[in-house]
Amino acid sequence: MAITADYLDYSTARTWDQGQSSTCVSHAFFTLLAEHIQQSTGKIVEFDFYKYHKEAEEYKKENGGHRVVALCKIAKDKGFKTKTGELVKIGSYRRYAAYRNFQWLCRIIQTAGPFLLSLYLYKGHSLNPASDIITTPKGERKGTSHMVMIRGFDFPSKWLRIQNSWYSKDEDNIKWLPHPALVEMCQYMYYVKDVTIK
């Protein structure tokens, strides 16, 4: 059993420094919205990424809380316009910490679609390895985290398919994350529901 989907290539998101940039949250969030729209309607959409990233930062500064919460609240209350003028909104969002049950994770992907995943970073460990598989970290945990999008799974292998904002020009940013590595690295997860476009 596997879930697959096409993904969008945001060329503006190629060169962010690992663990040093706040924009990974926005990259993952707008990729998530675009993925939901593409899966439900077949439309390929794109957003003015940096404009809305700045808007979310202002919202966070005024209201406090996490960047992903700011993006979710704006998307629910007033929405974000695509580059072609369509309005994209979400009906609801939810944070989860229950990530240890692989069957549950697969069920979320099947019923709610792709979702966001915040991962702790570790010294000497790469979330963008040369191979297709991210290994379980063995080094010391850093004080920073990184946001990616989970877009699918391979049930027999217990692997999750993630999309990352970190990659060089010649590298693929779609990797496999084995479930034991997820259990070690996961900070929290968010998913959104009822994504609409008008």
N, C-alpha and C. Protein backbone atom coordinates (compact mmCIF):
# COMPACT_ATOMS: atom_id res chain seq x y z
N MET A 1 0.85 -1.18 0.00
CA MET A 1 0.00 0.00 0.00
C MET A 1 0.89 1.24 0.00
N ALA A 2 0.69 2.14 -0.93
CA ALA A 2 1.53 3.32 -1.01
C ALA A 2 0.71 4.51 -1.49
N ILE A 3 1.06 5.66 -1.06
CA ILE A 3 0.43 6.90 -1.51
C ILE A 3 1.49 7.70 -2.26
N THR A 4 1.18 8.13 -3.46
CA THR A 4 2.13 8.95 -4.20
C THR A 4 1.39 10.15 -4.78
N ALA A 5 2.12 11.21 -5.06
CA ALA A 5 1.53 12.40 -5.67
C ALA A 5 2.63 13.23 -6.29
N ASP A 6 2.28 14.01 -7.29
CA ASP A 6 3.25 14.93 -7.86
C ASP A 6 3.56 16.01 -6.84
N TYR A 7 4.71 16.64 -6.98
CA TYR A 7 5.04 17.72 -6.06
C TYR A 7 5.49 18.94 -6.86
N LEU A 8 5.41 20.09 -6.21
CA LEU A 8 5.78 21.35 -6.85
C LEU A 8 7.21 21.72 -6.49
N ASP A 9 7.89 22.33 -7.42
CA ASP A 9 9.27 22.75 -7.22
C ASP A 9 9.29 24.26 -7.05
N TYR A 10 9.43 24.72 -5.82
CA TYR A 10 9.56 26.15 -5.56
C TYR A 10 11.03 26.53 -5.70
N SER A 11 11.39 27.11 -6.81
CA SER A 11 12.80 27.39 -7.09
C SER A 11 13.38 28.42 -6.12
N THR A 12 12.53 29.18 -5.45
CA THR A 12 13.03 30.17 -4.47
C THR A 12 13.50 29.51 -3.19
N ALA A 13 13.25 28.24 -3.03
CA ALA A 13 13.51 27.58 -1.74
C ALA A 13 14.66 26.59 -1.82
N ARG A 14 15.66 26.86 -2.63
CA ARG A 14 16.72 25.89 -2.85
C ARG A 14 17.88 26.01 -1.87
N THR A 15 18.17 27.19 -1.38
CA THR A 15 19.49 27.41 -0.78
C THR A 15 19.47 27.83 0.68
N TRP A 16 18.41 27.55 1.40
CA TRP A 16 18.36 27.95 2.80
C TRP A 16 19.33 27.13 3.63
N ASP A 17 19.93 27.77 4.62
CA ASP A 17 20.90 27.09 5.46
C ASP A 17 20.17 26.17 6.44
N GLN A 18 20.72 25.00 6.63
CA GLN A 18 20.08 24.02 7.51
C GLN A 18 20.08 24.53 8.95
N GLY A 19 18.89 24.59 9.53
CA GLY A 19 18.75 24.98 10.93
C GLY A 19 18.90 26.46 11.19
N GLN A 20 19.13 27.27 10.17
CA GLN A 20 19.37 28.68 10.38
C GLN A 20 18.25 29.57 9.85
N SER A 21 17.29 29.01 9.14
CA SER A 21 16.30 29.84 8.47
C SER A 21 14.90 29.54 8.96
N SER A 22 14.15 30.62 9.22
CA SER A 22 12.77 30.48 9.66
C SER A 22 11.84 30.13 8.51
N THR A 23 12.32 30.26 7.28
CA THR A 23 11.44 30.10 6.12
C THR A 23 11.09 28.64 5.82
N CYS A 24 11.74 27.68 6.47
CA CYS A 24 11.41 26.28 6.20
C CYS A 24 9.95 25.99 6.56
N VAL A 25 9.43 26.67 7.59
CA VAL A 25 8.03 26.45 7.99
C VAL A 25 7.09 26.94 6.89
N SER A 26 7.36 28.12 6.37
CA SER A 26 6.52 28.66 5.30
C SER A 26 6.62 27.82 4.04
N HIS A 27 7.83 27.39 3.72
CA HIS A 27 8.00 26.54 2.53
C HIS A 27 7.15 25.28 2.65
N ALA A 28 7.25 24.61 3.80
CA ALA A 28 6.49 23.38 4.00
C ALA A 28 4.99 23.65 3.98
N PHE A 29 4.57 24.76 4.59
CA PHE A 29 3.14 25.06 4.67
C PHE A 29 2.54 25.34 3.30
N PHE A 30 3.18 26.17 2.49
CA PHE A 30 2.61 26.49 1.18
C PHE A 30 2.73 25.32 0.20
N THR A 31 3.75 24.50 0.38
CA THR A 31 3.82 23.27 -0.40
C THR A 31 2.65 22.36 -0.02
N LEU A 32 2.34 22.32 1.29
CA LEU A 32 1.21 21.53 1.77
C LEU A 32 -0.10 22.01 1.15
N LEU A 33 -0.36 23.32 1.17
CA LEU A 33 -1.58 23.85 0.57
C LEU A 33 -1.65 23.50 -0.92
N ALA A 34 -0.54 23.71 -1.62
CA ALA A 34 -0.51 23.42 -3.05
C ALA A 34 -0.75 21.95 -3.33
N GLU A 35 -0.20 21.10 -2.47
CA GLU A 35 -0.39 19.66 -2.64
C GLU A 35 -1.85 19.27 -2.44
N HIS A 36 -2.49 19.83 -1.42
CA HIS A 36 -3.91 19.54 -1.18
C HIS A 36 -4.76 19.96 -2.38
N ILE A 37 -4.48 21.15 -2.91
CA ILE A 37 -5.24 21.64 -4.07
C ILE A 37 -5.01 20.75 -5.28
N GLN A 38 -3.76 20.37 -5.49
CA GLN A 38 -3.45 19.53 -6.65
C GLN A 38 -4.12 18.16 -6.54
N GLN A 39 -4.12 17.59 -5.34
CA GLN A 39 -4.72 16.26 -5.17
C GLN A 39 -6.24 16.31 -5.29
N SER A 40 -6.86 17.40 -4.84
CA SER A 40 -8.33 17.44 -4.84
C SER A 40 -8.92 17.98 -6.13
N THR A 41 -8.18 18.87 -6.82
CA THR A 41 -8.75 19.49 -8.02
C THR A 41 -7.93 19.27 -9.29
N GLY A 42 -6.69 18.84 -9.14
CA GLY A 42 -5.81 18.69 -10.30
C GLY A 42 -5.10 19.97 -10.68
N LYS A 43 -5.42 21.08 -10.02
CA LYS A 43 -4.79 22.36 -10.34
C LYS A 43 -3.39 22.45 -9.74
N ILE A 44 -2.49 23.04 -10.50
CA ILE A 44 -1.16 23.35 -9.98
C ILE A 44 -1.14 24.83 -9.65
N VAL A 45 -0.95 25.15 -8.38
CA VAL A 45 -0.99 26.55 -7.94
C VAL A 45 0.34 26.93 -7.31
N GLU A 46 0.58 28.22 -7.25
CA GLU A 46 1.79 28.74 -6.63
C GLU A 46 1.43 30.02 -5.89
N PHE A 47 2.14 30.28 -4.79
CA PHE A 47 1.88 31.43 -3.95
C PHE A 47 3.06 32.40 -3.97
N ASP A 48 2.79 33.66 -3.62
CA ASP A 48 3.86 34.63 -3.44
C ASP A 48 4.50 34.33 -2.10
N PHE A 49 5.43 33.43 -2.14
CA PHE A 49 5.97 32.81 -0.94
C PHE A 49 6.53 33.82 0.06
N TYR A 50 7.40 34.70 -0.38
CA TYR A 50 8.06 35.62 0.55
C TYR A 50 7.10 36.67 1.10
N LYS A 51 6.14 37.10 0.30
CA LYS A 51 5.14 38.06 0.77
C LYS A 51 4.38 37.47 1.96
N TYR A 52 3.90 36.25 1.82
CA TYR A 52 3.11 35.64 2.88
C TYR A 52 3.96 35.19 4.05
N HIS A 53 5.20 34.87 3.79
CA HIS A 53 6.10 34.55 4.90
C HIS A 53 6.25 35.78 5.81
N LYS A 54 6.43 36.95 5.19
CA LYS A 54 6.57 38.19 5.97
C LYS A 54 5.27 38.51 6.72
N GLU A 55 4.13 38.25 6.09
CA GLU A 55 2.85 38.49 6.75
C GLU A 55 2.69 37.60 7.98
N ALA A 56 3.09 36.35 7.85
CA ALA A 56 3.00 35.42 8.99
C ALA A 56 3.95 35.83 10.11
N GLU A 57 5.12 36.35 9.75
CA GLU A 57 6.07 36.80 10.77
C GLU A 57 5.51 37.99 11.55
N GLU A 58 4.83 38.90 10.85
CA GLU A 58 4.19 40.03 11.52
C GLU A 58 3.07 39.56 12.44
N TYR A 59 2.28 38.60 11.97
CA TYR A 59 1.19 38.04 12.78
C TYR A 59 1.77 37.40 14.05
N LYS A 60 2.84 36.64 13.89
CA LYS A 60 3.48 35.97 15.02
C LYS A 60 4.02 37.00 16.01
N LYS A 61 4.59 38.09 15.50
CA LYS A 61 5.15 39.12 16.36
C LYS A 61 4.05 39.78 17.20
N GLU A 62 2.88 40.00 16.59
CA GLU A 62 1.78 40.67 17.27
C GLU A 62 1.02 39.75 18.21
N ASN A 63 0.90 38.47 17.85
CA ASN A 63 0.03 37.55 18.59
C ASN A 63 0.77 36.46 19.35
N GLY A 64 2.07 36.32 19.09
CA GLY A 64 2.83 35.26 19.75
C GLY A 64 2.55 33.90 19.12
N GLY A 65 3.11 32.87 19.70
CA GLY A 65 2.88 31.52 19.19
C GLY A 65 3.88 31.11 18.13
N HIS A 66 3.65 29.95 17.57
CA HIS A 66 4.57 29.35 16.60
C HIS A 66 4.25 29.82 15.19
N ARG A 67 5.25 29.79 14.32
CA ARG A 67 5.06 30.21 12.92
C ARG A 67 3.98 29.39 12.23
N VAL A 68 3.97 28.09 12.45
CA VAL A 68 2.99 27.26 11.74
C VAL A 68 1.58 27.59 12.21
N VAL A 69 1.41 27.96 13.47
CA VAL A 69 0.10 28.35 13.98
C VAL A 69 -0.34 29.66 13.33
N ALA A 70 0.59 30.60 13.19
CA ALA A 70 0.27 31.87 12.52
C ALA A 70 -0.21 31.62 11.10
N LEU A 71 0.48 30.77 10.37
CA LEU A 71 0.09 30.45 8.99
C LEU A 71 -1.27 29.77 8.94
N CYS A 72 -1.50 28.83 9.86
CA CYS A 72 -2.78 28.13 9.89
C CYS A 72 -3.93 29.08 10.20
N LYS A 73 -3.73 29.98 11.16
CA LYS A 73 -4.80 30.91 11.54
C LYS A 73 -5.13 31.87 10.40
N ILE A 74 -4.11 32.38 9.73
CA ILE A 74 -4.36 33.26 8.60
C ILE A 74 -5.08 32.50 7.48
N ALA A 75 -4.64 31.28 7.22
CA ALA A 75 -5.26 30.47 6.16
C ALA A 75 -6.72 30.15 6.48
N LYS A 76 -7.03 29.99 7.75
CA LYS A 76 -8.41 29.69 8.13
C LYS A 76 -9.29 30.95 8.14
N ASP A 77 -8.76 32.05 8.66
CA ASP A 77 -9.57 33.26 8.85
C ASP A 77 -9.77 34.05 7.56
N LYS A 78 -8.71 34.25 6.80
CA LYS A 78 -8.86 35.05 5.59
C LYS A 78 -8.29 34.41 4.33
N GLY A 79 -7.42 33.44 4.48
CA GLY A 79 -6.89 32.72 3.33
C GLY A 79 -5.69 33.40 2.69
N PHE A 80 -5.10 32.71 1.71
CA PHE A 80 -3.97 33.22 0.94
C PHE A 80 -4.32 33.15 -0.54
N LYS A 81 -3.97 34.18 -1.28
CA LYS A 81 -4.23 34.18 -2.71
C LYS A 81 -3.07 33.56 -3.48
N THR A 82 -3.42 32.79 -4.51
CA THR A 82 -2.39 32.25 -5.39
C THR A 82 -1.88 33.37 -6.30
N LYS A 83 -0.85 33.08 -7.07
CA LYS A 83 -0.31 34.08 -7.99
C LYS A 83 -1.29 34.42 -9.11
N THR A 84 -2.28 33.56 -9.31
CA THR A 84 -3.30 33.84 -10.34
C THR A 84 -4.59 34.39 -9.73
N GLY A 85 -4.58 34.73 -8.43
CA GLY A 85 -5.69 35.43 -7.81
C GLY A 85 -6.75 34.58 -7.15
N GLU A 86 -6.59 33.26 -7.13
CA GLU A 86 -7.58 32.42 -6.45
C GLU A 86 -7.31 32.42 -4.95
N LEU A 87 -8.39 32.35 -4.18
CA LEU A 87 -8.27 32.38 -2.73
C LEU A 87 -8.29 30.95 -2.18
N VAL A 88 -7.25 30.63 -1.41
CA VAL A 88 -7.13 29.30 -0.79
C VAL A 88 -7.31 29.45 0.71
N LYS A 89 -8.25 28.67 1.28
CA LYS A 89 -8.50 28.68 2.72
C LYS A 89 -8.51 27.25 3.25
N ILE A 90 -8.34 27.13 4.57
CA ILE A 90 -8.47 25.83 5.21
C ILE A 90 -9.65 25.87 6.18
N GLY A 91 -10.27 24.71 6.40
CA GLY A 91 -11.40 24.65 7.33
C GLY A 91 -10.96 24.48 8.76
N SER A 92 -9.88 23.71 8.96
CA SER A 92 -9.40 23.45 10.32
C SER A 92 -7.95 22.97 10.27
N TYR A 93 -7.31 22.97 11.42
CA TYR A 93 -5.95 22.45 11.53
C TYR A 93 -5.80 21.83 12.91
N ARG A 94 -4.81 20.96 13.05
CA ARG A 94 -4.63 20.29 14.34
C ARG A 94 -3.17 19.89 14.53
N ARG A 95 -2.72 20.05 15.76
CA ARG A 95 -1.37 19.60 16.12
C ARG A 95 -1.46 18.20 16.73
N TYR A 96 -0.50 17.35 16.38
CA TYR A 96 -0.44 16.00 16.93
C TYR A 96 0.95 15.70 17.45
N ALA A 97 1.01 14.98 18.53
CA ALA A 97 2.28 14.47 19.03
C ALA A 97 2.32 12.95 18.95
N ALA A 98 1.18 12.33 18.62
CA ALA A 98 1.09 10.86 18.58
C ALA A 98 1.61 10.35 17.25
N TYR A 99 2.89 10.07 17.19
CA TYR A 99 3.51 9.67 15.93
C TYR A 99 4.11 8.27 15.98
N ARG A 100 3.99 7.59 17.10
CA ARG A 100 4.66 6.30 17.25
C ARG A 100 3.93 5.15 16.56
N ASN A 101 2.66 5.32 16.28
CA ASN A 101 1.88 4.26 15.64
C ASN A 101 1.91 4.47 14.13
N PHE A 102 2.63 3.61 13.41
CA PHE A 102 2.79 3.80 11.98
C PHE A 102 1.47 3.65 11.23
N GLN A 103 0.63 2.73 11.65
CA GLN A 103 -0.67 2.55 11.00
C GLN A 103 -1.52 3.82 11.13
N TRP A 104 -1.45 4.46 12.29
CA TRP A 104 -2.18 5.71 12.49
C TRP A 104 -1.68 6.78 11.54
N LEU A 105 -0.36 6.89 11.39
CA LEU A 105 0.20 7.87 10.47
C LEU A 105 -0.29 7.64 9.04
N CYS A 106 -0.30 6.39 8.62
CA CYS A 106 -0.77 6.06 7.28
C CYS A 106 -2.24 6.42 7.11
N ARG A 107 -3.02 6.19 8.14
CA ARG A 107 -4.45 6.51 8.09
C ARG A 107 -4.66 8.02 7.96
N ILE A 108 -3.84 8.81 8.66
CA ILE A 108 -3.93 10.27 8.54
C ILE A 108 -3.64 10.71 7.11
N ILE A 109 -2.60 10.14 6.51
CA ILE A 109 -2.26 10.50 5.14
C ILE A 109 -3.40 10.13 4.19
N GLN A 110 -4.02 8.98 4.42
CA GLN A 110 -5.10 8.54 3.55
C GLN A 110 -6.36 9.39 3.71
N THR A 111 -6.64 9.83 4.93
CA THR A 111 -7.90 10.53 5.17
C THR A 111 -7.76 12.05 5.11
N ALA A 112 -6.62 12.58 5.58
CA ALA A 112 -6.45 14.03 5.65
C ALA A 112 -5.45 14.55 4.63
N GLY A 113 -4.71 13.65 3.98
CA GLY A 113 -3.73 14.09 3.00
C GLY A 113 -2.38 14.34 3.64
N PRO A 114 -1.46 14.96 2.90
CA PRO A 114 -0.13 15.22 3.43
C PRO A 114 -0.18 16.14 4.65
N PHE A 115 0.86 16.08 5.49
CA PHE A 115 0.87 16.94 6.67
C PHE A 115 2.29 17.40 6.98
N LEU A 116 2.39 18.33 7.92
CA LEU A 116 3.67 18.94 8.28
C LEU A 116 4.31 18.20 9.45
N LEU A 117 5.63 18.13 9.41
CA LEU A 117 6.38 17.41 10.43
C LEU A 117 7.57 18.25 10.87
N SER A 118 7.67 18.52 12.16
CA SER A 118 8.82 19.23 12.72
C SER A 118 9.79 18.21 13.28
N LEU A 119 11.04 18.28 12.80
CA LEU A 119 12.06 17.32 13.20
C LEU A 119 13.18 18.02 13.97
N TYR A 120 13.63 17.38 15.06
CA TYR A 120 14.82 17.86 15.75
C TYR A 120 16.03 17.64 14.86
N LEU A 121 17.00 18.53 14.96
CA LEU A 121 18.25 18.38 14.22
C LEU A 121 19.32 17.82 15.15
N TYR A 122 20.25 17.06 14.57
CA TYR A 122 21.31 16.41 15.33
C TYR A 122 22.67 16.71 14.71
N LYS A 123 23.68 16.87 15.55
CA LYS A 123 25.03 17.11 15.05
C LYS A 123 25.52 15.92 14.25
N GLY A 124 26.12 16.21 13.10
CA GLY A 124 26.66 15.15 12.26
C GLY A 124 25.63 14.34 11.50
N HIS A 125 24.39 14.81 11.49
CA HIS A 125 23.32 14.06 10.82
C HIS A 125 22.70 14.93 9.74
N SER A 126 22.37 14.34 8.60
CA SER A 126 21.82 15.09 7.48
C SER A 126 20.38 14.70 7.20
N LEU A 127 19.53 15.72 7.02
CA LEU A 127 18.17 15.48 6.55
C LEU A 127 18.10 15.48 5.03
N ASN A 128 19.24 15.71 4.41
CA ASN A 128 19.30 15.72 2.95
C ASN A 128 20.50 14.88 2.50
N PRO A 129 20.50 13.58 2.82
CA PRO A 129 21.66 12.75 2.46
C PRO A 129 21.75 12.50 0.97
N ALA A 130 22.91 12.02 0.54
CA ALA A 130 23.09 11.70 -0.88
C ALA A 130 22.18 10.54 -1.30
N SER A 131 21.94 9.62 -0.37
CA SER A 131 21.06 8.50 -0.68
C SER A 131 19.60 8.93 -0.51
N ASP A 132 18.68 8.05 -0.85
CA ASP A 132 17.25 8.36 -0.73
C ASP A 132 16.70 8.17 0.68
N ILE A 133 17.50 7.60 1.58
CA ILE A 133 17.00 7.23 2.90
C ILE A 133 17.70 8.04 3.99
N ILE A 134 16.90 8.65 4.85
CA ILE A 134 17.43 9.39 6.00
C ILE A 134 17.65 8.41 7.15
N THR A 135 18.84 8.39 7.69
CA THR A 135 19.18 7.43 8.74
C THR A 135 18.75 7.93 10.11
N THR A 136 18.71 7.03 11.07
CA THR A 136 18.43 7.42 12.45
C THR A 136 19.64 8.14 13.02
N PRO A 137 19.47 9.31 13.62
CA PRO A 137 20.63 10.07 14.13
C PRO A 137 21.27 9.38 15.32
N LYS A 138 22.59 9.54 15.43
CA LYS A 138 23.33 8.96 16.55
C LYS A 138 24.04 10.03 17.36
N GLY A 139 24.11 11.26 16.83
CA GLY A 139 24.84 12.32 17.52
C GLY A 139 23.99 13.08 18.53
N GLU A 140 24.54 14.17 18.99
CA GLU A 140 23.88 15.02 19.99
C GLU A 140 22.80 15.89 19.34
N ARG A 141 21.68 16.03 20.01
CA ARG A 141 20.59 16.87 19.48
C ARG A 141 20.96 18.34 19.56
N LYS A 142 20.69 19.08 18.48
CA LYS A 142 20.90 20.52 18.46
C LYS A 142 19.72 21.22 19.11
N GLY A 143 19.85 22.52 19.28
CA GLY A 143 18.76 23.30 19.86
C GLY A 143 17.81 23.85 18.83
N THR A 144 17.86 23.34 17.60
CA THR A 144 17.01 23.82 16.52
C THR A 144 16.22 22.68 15.91
N SER A 145 15.20 23.03 15.15
CA SER A 145 14.39 22.02 14.47
C SER A 145 14.14 22.47 13.03
N HIS A 146 13.54 21.59 12.26
CA HIS A 146 13.30 21.87 10.84
C HIS A 146 11.94 21.31 10.46
N MET A 147 11.24 22.01 9.56
CA MET A 147 9.90 21.60 9.13
C MET A 147 9.96 21.02 7.72
N VAL A 148 9.32 19.85 7.55
CA VAL A 148 9.20 19.21 6.25
C VAL A 148 7.74 18.81 6.04
N MET A 149 7.43 18.29 4.86
CA MET A 149 6.08 17.81 4.58
C MET A 149 6.12 16.31 4.35
N ILE A 150 5.26 15.59 5.04
CA ILE A 150 5.10 14.16 4.76
C ILE A 150 4.05 14.02 3.67
N ARG A 151 4.42 13.32 2.59
CA ARG A 151 3.56 13.26 1.42
C ARG A 151 3.13 11.84 1.06
N GLY A 152 3.63 10.85 1.77
CA GLY A 152 3.24 9.48 1.42
C GLY A 152 3.92 8.47 2.32
N PHE A 153 3.70 7.19 2.02
CA PHE A 153 4.30 6.15 2.84
C PHE A 153 4.43 4.86 2.04
N ASP A 154 5.30 3.99 2.53
CA ASP A 154 5.39 2.62 2.03
C ASP A 154 5.08 1.72 3.21
N PHE A 155 3.92 1.09 3.18
CA PHE A 155 3.44 0.36 4.36
C PHE A 155 4.31 -0.84 4.72
N PRO A 156 4.68 -1.72 3.75
CA PRO A 156 5.50 -2.89 4.12
C PRO A 156 6.83 -2.51 4.76
N SER A 157 7.46 -1.45 4.26
CA SER A 157 8.78 -1.05 4.78
C SER A 157 8.68 -0.19 6.04
N LYS A 158 7.51 0.36 6.31
CA LYS A 158 7.31 1.32 7.39
C LYS A 158 8.21 2.55 7.17
N TRP A 159 8.15 3.06 5.95
CA TRP A 159 8.87 4.26 5.59
C TRP A 159 7.87 5.36 5.22
N LEU A 160 8.23 6.60 5.57
CA LEU A 160 7.44 7.76 5.19
C LEU A 160 8.18 8.55 4.11
N ARG A 161 7.43 9.10 3.18
CA ARG A 161 8.00 9.90 2.09
C ARG A 161 7.91 11.36 2.49
N ILE A 162 9.04 12.05 2.57
CA ILE A 162 9.03 13.45 2.98
C ILE A 162 9.55 14.34 1.86
N GLN A 163 9.08 15.58 1.88
CA GLN A 163 9.56 16.61 0.96
C GLN A 163 10.22 17.71 1.77
N ASN A 164 11.44 18.04 1.39
CA ASN A 164 12.26 18.97 2.14
C ASN A 164 12.51 20.23 1.33
N SER A 165 12.76 21.34 2.00
CA SER A 165 13.12 22.57 1.30
C SER A 165 14.62 22.66 1.06
N TRP A 166 15.40 21.76 1.65
CA TRP A 166 16.86 21.81 1.52
C TRP A 166 17.32 20.91 0.40
N TYR A 167 17.88 21.46 -0.61
CA TYR A 167 18.54 20.68 -1.65
C TYR A 167 19.29 21.61 -2.58
N SER A 168 20.36 21.10 -3.15
CA SER A 168 21.11 21.88 -4.12
C SER A 168 20.47 21.71 -5.49
N LYS A 169 20.99 22.40 -6.47
CA LYS A 169 20.39 22.43 -7.80
C LYS A 169 20.22 21.04 -8.40
N ASP A 170 21.15 20.15 -8.12
CA ASP A 170 21.13 18.84 -8.77
C ASP A 170 20.58 17.73 -7.88
N GLU A 171 20.09 18.08 -6.71
CA GLU A 171 19.62 17.05 -5.78
C GLU A 171 18.09 16.99 -5.72
N ASP A 172 17.58 15.82 -5.44
CA ASP A 172 16.15 15.64 -5.23
C ASP A 172 15.84 15.95 -3.77
N ASN A 173 14.72 16.63 -3.52
CA ASN A 173 14.37 16.94 -2.13
C ASN A 173 13.27 16.02 -1.60
N ILE A 174 13.04 14.91 -2.26
CA ILE A 174 12.09 13.90 -1.79
C ILE A 174 12.89 12.72 -1.25
N LYS A 175 12.70 12.39 0.03
CA LYS A 175 13.48 11.34 0.68
C LYS A 175 12.56 10.38 1.43
N TRP A 176 13.10 9.21 1.76
CA TRP A 176 12.40 8.25 2.62
C TRP A 176 12.89 8.42 4.05
N LEU A 177 11.94 8.41 5.00
CA LEU A 177 12.25 8.50 6.42
C LEU A 177 11.71 7.25 7.12
N PRO A 178 12.58 6.30 7.50
CA PRO A 178 12.11 5.11 8.21
C PRO A 178 11.41 5.49 9.52
N HIS A 179 10.42 4.71 9.89
CA HIS A 179 9.64 5.05 11.08
C HIS A 179 10.49 5.13 12.36
N PRO A 180 11.48 4.23 12.58
CA PRO A 180 12.32 4.38 13.78
C PRO A 180 13.05 5.73 13.83
N ALA A 181 13.47 6.24 12.67
CA ALA A 181 14.12 7.56 12.64
C ALA A 181 13.11 8.65 12.98
N LEU A 182 11.88 8.50 12.50
CA LEU A 182 10.83 9.46 12.83
C LEU A 182 10.58 9.51 14.33
N VAL A 183 10.49 8.35 14.97
CA VAL A 183 10.23 8.29 16.41
C VAL A 183 11.34 9.01 17.17
N GLU A 184 12.57 8.87 16.71
CA GLU A 184 13.71 9.50 17.38
C GLU A 184 13.72 11.01 17.17
N MET A 185 13.29 11.47 15.99
CA MET A 185 13.50 12.86 15.61
C MET A 185 12.27 13.75 15.72
N CYS A 186 11.07 13.18 15.79
CA CYS A 186 9.85 13.97 15.68
C CYS A 186 9.65 14.89 16.88
N GLN A 187 9.35 16.15 16.57
CA GLN A 187 8.99 17.12 17.60
C GLN A 187 7.47 17.22 17.71
N TYR A 188 6.79 17.44 16.59
CA TYR A 188 5.33 17.46 16.52
C TYR A 188 4.91 17.45 15.07
N MET A 189 3.60 17.32 14.84
CA MET A 189 3.05 17.28 13.50
C MET A 189 1.80 18.15 13.43
N TYR A 190 1.53 18.71 12.26
CA TYR A 190 0.30 19.45 12.00
C TYR A 190 -0.33 18.93 10.72
N TYR A 191 -1.66 18.84 10.73
CA TYR A 191 -2.34 18.62 9.46
C TYR A 191 -3.49 19.60 9.32
N VAL A 192 -3.87 19.86 8.07
CA VAL A 192 -4.96 20.76 7.77
C VAL A 192 -6.06 19.98 7.06
N LYS A 193 -7.30 20.46 7.20
CA LYS A 193 -8.44 19.80 6.56
C LYS A 193 -9.29 20.82 5.80
N ASP A 194 -10.05 20.29 4.84
CA ASP A 194 -11.04 21.10 4.10
C ASP A 194 -10.37 22.29 3.43
N VAL A 195 -9.33 22.01 2.63
CA VAL A 195 -8.65 23.06 1.87
C VAL A 195 -9.49 23.39 0.64
N THR A 196 -9.84 24.67 0.47
CA THR A 196 -10.69 25.08 -0.65
C THR A 196 -9.98 26.12 -1.49
N ILE A 197 -10.39 26.21 -2.75
CA ILE A 197 -9.86 27.24 -3.65
C ILE A 197 -11.01 27.83 -4.43
N LYS A 198 -11.07 29.17 -4.51
CA LYS A 198 -12.16 29.85 -5.21
C LYS A 198 -11.59 30.95 -6.10
